[in-house]
């Protein structure tokens, strides 16, 4: 199957079982970290098919290219400097995605706690009644193995 067809098939399967079709995405551009809100149609422009880890086939990732980041800047909000973000990642036990989720949650006036709630059961945050999944650049949405097990 051609990569574009497989990506579309996987993303459609993901959307069919995801709790929400709303996203808050983050990316580094130059010396800053930005975030933007998107729906599933908008985020589809920034996803790619990539090899999954641990033999799970392919994975869908949010991975915008530099020119796509420039385009996103028109609707993005500055979150912090790249240096501050790196410092948070380097001095806490959390990875980039978790730090981004924490910072966005706190920016929205909420308290962040690390959880393991599946994407099929809830969003990562609720803002003004809308649940959002939070994804930072290079974030994995799902892989073939997980999609296959959830389709059963």
N, C-alpha and C. Protein backbone atom coordinates (compact mmCIF):
# COMPACT_ATOMS: atom_id res chain seq x y z
N UNK A 1 0.86 -1.18 0.00
CA UNK A 1 0.00 0.00 0.00
C UNK A 1 0.90 1.24 0.00
N UNK A 2 0.56 2.19 -0.83
CA UNK A 2 1.32 3.44 -0.90
C UNK A 2 1.26 4.15 0.45
N UNK A 3 2.36 4.84 0.80
CA UNK A 3 2.45 5.51 2.11
C UNK A 3 1.33 6.50 2.36
N UNK A 4 0.95 7.29 1.36
CA UNK A 4 -0.13 8.27 1.54
C UNK A 4 -1.45 7.56 1.83
N UNK A 5 -1.70 6.49 1.12
CA UNK A 5 -2.94 5.72 1.33
C UNK A 5 -2.94 5.10 2.73
N UNK A 6 -1.80 4.58 3.16
CA UNK A 6 -1.71 3.98 4.49
C UNK A 6 -1.87 5.05 5.57
N UNK A 7 -1.24 6.19 5.38
CA UNK A 7 -1.39 7.30 6.33
C UNK A 7 -2.86 7.70 6.46
N UNK A 8 -3.52 7.88 5.34
CA UNK A 8 -4.94 8.26 5.37
C UNK A 8 -5.81 7.19 6.03
N UNK A 9 -5.53 5.94 5.71
CA UNK A 9 -6.29 4.83 6.30
C UNK A 9 -6.10 4.81 7.82
N UNK A 10 -4.87 4.96 8.25
CA UNK A 10 -4.58 4.94 9.69
C UNK A 10 -5.19 6.15 10.41
N UNK A 11 -5.09 7.32 9.78
CA UNK A 11 -5.63 8.52 10.42
C UNK A 11 -7.15 8.46 10.51
N UNK A 12 -7.79 7.94 9.48
CA UNK A 12 -9.25 7.77 9.53
C UNK A 12 -9.64 6.77 10.62
N UNK A 13 -8.89 5.69 10.76
CA UNK A 13 -9.17 4.70 11.81
C UNK A 13 -8.95 5.33 13.19
N UNK A 14 -7.91 6.13 13.31
CA UNK A 14 -7.63 6.82 14.57
C UNK A 14 -8.78 7.77 14.92
N UNK A 15 -9.19 8.57 13.96
CA UNK A 15 -10.28 9.53 14.20
C UNK A 15 -11.58 8.85 14.57
N UNK A 16 -11.80 7.66 14.04
CA UNK A 16 -13.04 6.94 14.33
C UNK A 16 -13.14 6.51 15.79
N UNK A 17 -12.00 6.35 16.46
CA UNK A 17 -12.02 5.89 17.85
C UNK A 17 -11.53 6.94 18.85
N UNK A 18 -10.96 8.05 18.37
CA UNK A 18 -10.45 9.09 19.27
C UNK A 18 -11.61 9.80 19.98
N UNK A 19 -11.40 10.15 21.22
CA UNK A 19 -12.41 10.83 22.02
C UNK A 19 -12.73 12.21 21.47
N UNK A 20 -11.72 12.88 20.93
CA UNK A 20 -11.91 14.24 20.42
C UNK A 20 -11.18 14.44 19.10
N UNK A 21 -11.66 15.38 18.33
CA UNK A 21 -11.03 15.74 17.06
C UNK A 21 -10.42 17.14 17.15
N UNK A 22 -10.14 17.57 18.38
CA UNK A 22 -9.56 18.90 18.62
C UNK A 22 -8.19 18.73 19.26
N UNK A 23 -7.26 19.57 18.80
CA UNK A 23 -5.88 19.44 19.22
C UNK A 23 -5.29 20.78 19.61
N UNK A 24 -4.38 20.73 20.57
CA UNK A 24 -3.48 21.84 20.83
C UNK A 24 -2.10 21.29 20.51
N UNK A 25 -1.47 21.88 19.52
CA UNK A 25 -0.18 21.38 19.04
C UNK A 25 0.92 22.39 19.38
N UNK A 26 2.11 21.87 19.58
CA UNK A 26 3.24 22.72 19.89
C UNK A 26 4.42 22.44 19.00
N UNK A 27 5.21 23.48 18.81
CA UNK A 27 6.39 23.34 17.97
C UNK A 27 7.42 24.41 18.33
N UNK A 28 8.66 24.09 18.04
CA UNK A 28 9.75 25.03 18.23
C UNK A 28 10.03 25.68 16.89
N UNK A 29 10.10 27.00 16.90
CA UNK A 29 10.50 27.73 15.71
C UNK A 29 11.49 28.80 16.14
N UNK A 30 12.67 28.74 15.54
CA UNK A 30 13.78 29.61 15.91
C UNK A 30 14.03 29.47 17.41
N UNK A 31 13.88 30.51 18.18
CA UNK A 31 14.24 30.45 19.60
C UNK A 31 13.04 30.39 20.53
N UNK A 32 11.88 30.01 19.99
CA UNK A 32 10.66 30.01 20.81
C UNK A 32 9.83 28.75 20.63
N UNK A 33 8.97 28.52 21.62
CA UNK A 33 8.01 27.42 21.57
C UNK A 33 6.62 28.06 21.42
N UNK A 34 5.85 27.55 20.47
CA UNK A 34 4.51 28.07 20.18
C UNK A 34 3.48 26.97 20.34
N UNK A 35 2.23 27.39 20.49
CA UNK A 35 1.13 26.42 20.47
C UNK A 35 -0.02 26.99 19.64
N UNK A 36 -0.80 26.08 19.07
CA UNK A 36 -1.95 26.46 18.24
C UNK A 36 -3.05 25.43 18.40
N UNK A 37 -4.28 25.87 18.27
CA UNK A 37 -5.43 24.96 18.31
C UNK A 37 -5.78 24.56 16.88
N UNK A 38 -6.15 23.30 16.72
CA UNK A 38 -6.52 22.76 15.40
C UNK A 38 -7.58 21.70 15.56
N UNK A 39 -8.29 21.45 14.45
CA UNK A 39 -9.19 20.29 14.42
C UNK A 39 -8.51 19.19 13.60
N UNK A 40 -9.20 18.07 13.46
CA UNK A 40 -8.59 16.94 12.76
C UNK A 40 -8.29 17.23 11.30
N UNK A 41 -9.13 18.03 10.63
CA UNK A 41 -8.86 18.38 9.23
C UNK A 41 -7.61 19.24 9.10
N UNK A 42 -7.44 20.16 10.04
CA UNK A 42 -6.26 21.05 9.99
C UNK A 42 -4.98 20.29 10.32
N UNK A 43 -5.01 19.46 11.34
CA UNK A 43 -3.79 18.75 11.74
C UNK A 43 -3.36 17.73 10.70
N UNK A 44 -4.29 17.29 9.88
CA UNK A 44 -3.96 16.30 8.84
C UNK A 44 -2.87 16.81 7.90
N UNK A 45 -2.73 18.13 7.78
CA UNK A 45 -1.68 18.71 6.92
C UNK A 45 -0.29 18.53 7.50
N UNK A 46 -0.21 18.22 8.79
CA UNK A 46 1.08 18.21 9.48
C UNK A 46 1.48 16.84 10.01
N UNK A 47 0.74 15.82 9.62
CA UNK A 47 1.07 14.48 10.09
C UNK A 47 1.84 13.72 9.01
N UNK A 48 2.65 12.78 9.47
CA UNK A 48 3.44 11.96 8.57
C UNK A 48 3.37 10.51 9.03
N UNK A 49 3.72 9.63 8.13
CA UNK A 49 3.84 8.21 8.44
C UNK A 49 5.30 7.94 8.73
N UNK A 50 5.57 7.25 9.83
CA UNK A 50 6.93 7.00 10.25
C UNK A 50 7.00 5.58 10.80
N UNK A 51 8.18 5.02 10.86
CA UNK A 51 8.34 3.70 11.47
C UNK A 51 8.05 3.80 12.96
N UNK A 52 7.25 2.89 13.46
CA UNK A 52 6.95 2.83 14.89
C UNK A 52 8.08 2.09 15.61
N UNK A 53 8.18 2.31 16.89
CA UNK A 53 9.19 1.60 17.66
C UNK A 53 8.68 0.22 18.07
N UNK A 54 9.58 -0.62 18.50
CA UNK A 54 9.28 -1.95 19.05
C UNK A 54 8.43 -2.84 18.12
N UNK A 55 8.68 -2.75 16.82
CA UNK A 55 8.00 -3.65 15.89
C UNK A 55 6.51 -3.45 15.76
N UNK A 56 6.04 -2.23 15.99
CA UNK A 56 4.60 -1.95 15.94
C UNK A 56 4.16 -1.44 14.56
N UNK A 57 4.96 -1.71 13.52
CA UNK A 57 4.60 -1.28 12.16
C UNK A 57 4.90 0.18 11.93
N UNK A 58 3.92 0.89 11.39
CA UNK A 58 4.06 2.33 11.14
C UNK A 58 3.33 3.11 12.23
N UNK A 59 3.71 4.38 12.35
CA UNK A 59 3.08 5.28 13.31
C UNK A 59 2.70 6.58 12.62
N UNK A 60 1.66 7.21 13.13
CA UNK A 60 1.26 8.55 12.69
C UNK A 60 1.93 9.54 13.65
N UNK A 61 2.63 10.52 13.09
CA UNK A 61 3.29 11.53 13.93
C UNK A 61 2.91 12.94 13.49
N UNK A 62 2.83 13.84 14.47
CA UNK A 62 2.72 15.27 14.19
C UNK A 62 4.15 15.76 14.00
N UNK A 63 4.49 16.11 12.76
CA UNK A 63 5.88 16.46 12.47
C UNK A 63 5.95 17.54 11.38
N UNK A 64 5.61 18.78 11.74
CA UNK A 64 5.62 19.85 10.74
C UNK A 64 7.03 20.21 10.29
N UNK A 65 7.16 20.50 9.01
CA UNK A 65 8.42 20.98 8.43
C UNK A 65 8.55 22.47 8.72
N UNK A 66 9.72 23.02 8.50
CA UNK A 66 10.00 24.44 8.80
C UNK A 66 9.00 25.37 8.11
N UNK A 67 8.72 25.13 6.83
CA UNK A 67 7.79 26.02 6.12
C UNK A 67 6.37 25.88 6.67
N UNK A 68 6.03 24.70 7.17
CA UNK A 68 4.71 24.51 7.77
C UNK A 68 4.62 25.23 9.12
N UNK A 69 5.71 25.25 9.85
CA UNK A 69 5.75 25.98 11.12
C UNK A 69 5.53 27.47 10.87
N UNK A 70 6.16 27.98 9.82
CA UNK A 70 5.98 29.39 9.47
C UNK A 70 4.51 29.67 9.18
N UNK A 71 3.86 28.78 8.46
CA UNK A 71 2.43 28.95 8.15
C UNK A 71 1.59 28.90 9.43
N UNK A 72 1.96 28.03 10.37
CA UNK A 72 1.21 27.91 11.62
C UNK A 72 1.36 29.14 12.51
N UNK A 73 2.43 29.89 12.33
CA UNK A 73 2.67 31.06 13.18
C UNK A 73 1.52 32.07 13.12
N UNK A 74 0.79 32.11 12.01
CA UNK A 74 -0.30 33.09 11.88
C UNK A 74 -1.42 32.84 12.88
N UNK A 75 -1.55 31.59 13.34
CA UNK A 75 -2.60 31.29 14.33
C UNK A 75 -2.04 30.77 15.64
N UNK A 76 -0.73 30.82 15.79
CA UNK A 76 -0.08 30.29 16.99
C UNK A 76 0.12 31.37 18.05
N UNK A 77 0.32 30.90 19.28
CA UNK A 77 0.58 31.77 20.42
C UNK A 77 1.93 31.39 21.01
N UNK A 78 2.73 32.40 21.35
CA UNK A 78 4.02 32.16 21.98
C UNK A 78 3.79 31.56 23.37
N UNK A 79 4.47 30.46 23.66
CA UNK A 79 4.36 29.81 24.97
C UNK A 79 5.55 30.19 25.86
N UNK A 80 6.75 30.04 25.31
CA UNK A 80 7.96 30.35 26.08
C UNK A 80 9.16 30.33 25.14
N UNK A 81 10.32 30.64 25.70
CA UNK A 81 11.53 30.56 24.91
C UNK A 81 11.97 29.10 24.79
N UNK A 82 12.71 28.81 23.75
CA UNK A 82 13.26 27.48 23.55
C UNK A 82 14.20 27.13 24.71
N UNK A 83 14.97 28.12 25.19
CA UNK A 83 15.92 27.89 26.29
C UNK A 83 15.18 27.51 27.58
N UNK A 84 14.08 28.21 27.89
CA UNK A 84 13.31 27.89 29.09
C UNK A 84 12.70 26.49 28.97
N UNK A 85 12.17 26.18 27.82
CA UNK A 85 11.58 24.86 27.58
C UNK A 85 12.63 23.77 27.78
N UNK A 86 13.79 23.96 27.19
CA UNK A 86 14.88 22.98 27.32
C UNK A 86 15.28 22.83 28.78
N UNK A 87 15.33 23.92 29.51
CA UNK A 87 15.68 23.86 30.93
C UNK A 87 14.65 23.02 31.71
N UNK A 88 13.37 23.18 31.38
CA UNK A 88 12.33 22.40 32.05
C UNK A 88 12.47 20.91 31.75
N UNK A 89 12.78 20.59 30.52
CA UNK A 89 12.96 19.19 30.12
C UNK A 89 14.20 18.60 30.81
N UNK A 90 15.26 19.40 30.86
CA UNK A 90 16.53 18.91 31.42
C UNK A 90 16.52 18.78 32.95
N UNK A 91 15.63 19.50 33.62
CA UNK A 91 15.66 19.51 35.09
C UNK A 91 14.46 18.82 35.74
N UNK A 92 13.66 18.13 34.95
CA UNK A 92 12.52 17.40 35.49
C UNK A 92 12.56 15.97 34.94
N UNK A 93 11.79 15.07 35.51
CA UNK A 93 11.77 13.70 34.99
C UNK A 93 10.88 13.54 33.75
N UNK A 94 10.34 14.64 33.21
CA UNK A 94 9.37 14.57 32.12
C UNK A 94 10.01 14.80 30.76
N UNK A 95 9.40 14.21 29.73
CA UNK A 95 9.89 14.41 28.36
C UNK A 95 9.30 15.68 27.76
N UNK A 96 9.67 15.99 26.53
CA UNK A 96 9.21 17.22 25.87
C UNK A 96 7.70 17.29 25.77
N UNK A 97 7.07 16.18 25.41
CA UNK A 97 5.62 16.17 25.28
C UNK A 97 4.92 16.43 26.60
N UNK A 98 5.44 15.82 27.66
CA UNK A 98 4.84 16.02 28.98
C UNK A 98 5.05 17.45 29.48
N UNK A 99 6.24 17.99 29.26
CA UNK A 99 6.50 19.38 29.66
C UNK A 99 5.60 20.32 28.88
N UNK A 100 5.45 20.08 27.58
CA UNK A 100 4.57 20.92 26.77
C UNK A 100 3.13 20.84 27.29
N UNK A 101 2.65 19.64 27.55
CA UNK A 101 1.29 19.45 28.07
C UNK A 101 1.13 20.17 29.41
N UNK A 102 2.12 20.07 30.27
CA UNK A 102 2.08 20.73 31.58
C UNK A 102 2.01 22.25 31.40
N UNK A 103 2.85 22.79 30.54
CA UNK A 103 2.90 24.24 30.36
C UNK A 103 1.60 24.78 29.74
N UNK A 104 1.05 24.06 28.78
CA UNK A 104 -0.22 24.48 28.17
C UNK A 104 -1.35 24.42 29.19
N UNK A 105 -1.39 23.34 29.95
CA UNK A 105 -2.43 23.17 30.98
C UNK A 105 -2.37 24.32 31.98
N UNK A 106 -1.17 24.62 32.45
CA UNK A 106 -1.01 25.72 33.41
C UNK A 106 -1.31 27.07 32.78
N UNK A 107 -0.98 27.24 31.51
CA UNK A 107 -1.30 28.47 30.79
C UNK A 107 -2.82 28.67 30.72
N UNK A 108 -3.55 27.57 30.68
CA UNK A 108 -5.02 27.62 30.65
C UNK A 108 -5.62 27.72 32.05
N UNK A 109 -4.77 27.92 33.05
CA UNK A 109 -5.25 28.12 34.42
C UNK A 109 -5.67 26.85 35.13
N UNK A 110 -5.16 25.71 34.67
CA UNK A 110 -5.52 24.43 35.26
C UNK A 110 -4.29 23.77 35.88
N UNK A 111 -4.53 22.80 36.73
CA UNK A 111 -3.45 22.06 37.37
C UNK A 111 -3.16 20.80 36.55
N UNK A 112 -1.91 20.60 36.20
CA UNK A 112 -1.52 19.44 35.41
C UNK A 112 -1.09 18.30 36.33
N UNK A 113 -1.54 17.11 35.99
CA UNK A 113 -1.02 15.91 36.62
C UNK A 113 -0.79 14.88 35.51
N UNK A 114 0.30 14.18 35.62
CA UNK A 114 0.60 13.15 34.62
C UNK A 114 -0.40 12.02 34.77
N UNK A 115 -0.97 11.60 33.66
CA UNK A 115 -1.91 10.49 33.70
C UNK A 115 -1.67 9.57 32.51
N UNK A 116 -2.39 8.50 32.48
CA UNK A 116 -2.27 7.52 31.40
C UNK A 116 -3.65 7.19 30.83
N UNK A 117 -4.51 8.19 30.74
CA UNK A 117 -5.85 7.99 30.22
C UNK A 117 -5.75 7.82 28.70
N UNK A 118 -6.30 6.75 28.17
CA UNK A 118 -6.22 6.51 26.72
C UNK A 118 -6.93 7.59 25.89
N UNK A 119 -6.42 7.81 24.68
CA UNK A 119 -6.99 8.82 23.77
C UNK A 119 -8.42 8.48 23.37
N UNK A 120 -8.84 7.27 23.62
CA UNK A 120 -10.21 6.85 23.30
C UNK A 120 -11.19 7.22 24.40
N UNK A 121 -10.68 7.59 25.57
CA UNK A 121 -11.55 7.85 26.73
C UNK A 121 -11.66 9.31 27.12
N UNK A 122 -10.69 10.14 26.76
CA UNK A 122 -10.72 11.55 27.15
C UNK A 122 -9.66 12.33 26.39
N UNK A 123 -9.82 13.65 26.38
CA UNK A 123 -8.76 14.51 25.87
C UNK A 123 -7.74 14.72 26.97
N UNK A 124 -6.69 15.47 26.67
CA UNK A 124 -5.67 15.79 27.68
C UNK A 124 -6.09 16.98 28.53
N UNK A 125 -6.94 17.84 27.96
CA UNK A 125 -7.38 19.04 28.66
C UNK A 125 -8.75 19.42 28.11
N UNK A 126 -9.56 20.08 28.93
CA UNK A 126 -10.84 20.62 28.49
C UNK A 126 -10.77 22.14 28.66
N UNK A 127 -10.99 22.86 27.56
CA UNK A 127 -10.96 24.32 27.58
C UNK A 127 -12.30 24.83 27.05
N UNK A 128 -13.00 25.59 27.88
CA UNK A 128 -14.32 26.12 27.51
C UNK A 128 -15.25 25.02 27.02
N UNK A 129 -15.22 23.89 27.68
CA UNK A 129 -16.11 22.79 27.36
C UNK A 129 -15.65 21.90 26.22
N UNK A 130 -14.54 22.23 25.57
CA UNK A 130 -14.04 21.43 24.45
C UNK A 130 -12.83 20.62 24.88
N UNK A 131 -12.89 19.30 24.71
CA UNK A 131 -11.71 18.47 25.03
C UNK A 131 -10.68 18.56 23.90
N UNK A 132 -9.42 18.63 24.28
CA UNK A 132 -8.31 18.69 23.32
C UNK A 132 -7.29 17.62 23.65
N UNK A 133 -6.70 17.05 22.61
CA UNK A 133 -5.49 16.26 22.76
C UNK A 133 -4.34 17.23 22.59
N UNK A 134 -3.29 17.04 23.34
CA UNK A 134 -2.12 17.92 23.26
C UNK A 134 -0.97 17.13 22.63
N UNK A 135 -0.40 17.71 21.58
CA UNK A 135 0.69 17.04 20.86
C UNK A 135 1.83 18.03 20.61
N UNK A 136 3.05 17.61 20.94
CA UNK A 136 4.23 18.41 20.64
C UNK A 136 4.92 17.82 19.42
N UNK A 137 5.71 18.62 18.75
CA UNK A 137 6.36 18.16 17.51
C UNK A 137 7.04 16.81 17.71
N UNK A 138 6.89 15.96 16.72
CA UNK A 138 7.37 14.57 16.69
C UNK A 138 6.52 13.63 17.54
N UNK A 139 5.39 14.10 18.06
CA UNK A 139 4.52 13.27 18.89
C UNK A 139 3.87 12.17 18.04
N UNK A 140 3.74 11.02 18.65
CA UNK A 140 3.05 9.91 18.01
C UNK A 140 1.58 9.94 18.38
N UNK A 141 0.73 9.82 17.38
CA UNK A 141 -0.71 9.68 17.62
C UNK A 141 -1.02 8.24 17.97
N UNK A 142 -0.58 7.35 17.11
CA UNK A 142 -0.92 5.94 17.26
C UNK A 142 -0.07 5.14 16.29
N UNK A 143 0.01 3.84 16.53
CA UNK A 143 0.72 2.99 15.58
C UNK A 143 -0.21 1.88 15.09
N UNK A 144 0.27 1.16 14.08
CA UNK A 144 -0.55 0.10 13.46
C UNK A 144 -0.96 -0.97 14.46
N UNK A 145 -0.06 -1.37 15.32
CA UNK A 145 -0.34 -2.42 16.29
C UNK A 145 -1.48 -2.00 17.23
N UNK A 146 -1.41 -0.77 17.73
CA UNK A 146 -2.45 -0.28 18.64
C UNK A 146 -3.78 -0.16 17.92
N UNK A 147 -3.77 0.39 16.72
CA UNK A 147 -5.01 0.51 15.96
C UNK A 147 -5.65 -0.86 15.71
N UNK A 148 -4.83 -1.83 15.38
CA UNK A 148 -5.36 -3.18 15.13
C UNK A 148 -5.97 -3.77 16.40
N UNK A 149 -5.33 -3.55 17.53
CA UNK A 149 -5.86 -4.14 18.78
C UNK A 149 -7.14 -3.42 19.21
N UNK A 150 -7.27 -2.13 18.94
CA UNK A 150 -8.47 -1.38 19.31
C UNK A 150 -9.64 -1.64 18.37
N UNK A 151 -9.35 -2.11 17.17
CA UNK A 151 -10.40 -2.39 16.18
C UNK A 151 -11.12 -3.70 16.49
N UNK A 152 -10.56 -4.49 17.36
CA UNK A 152 -11.17 -5.80 17.68
C UNK A 152 -12.35 -5.65 18.60
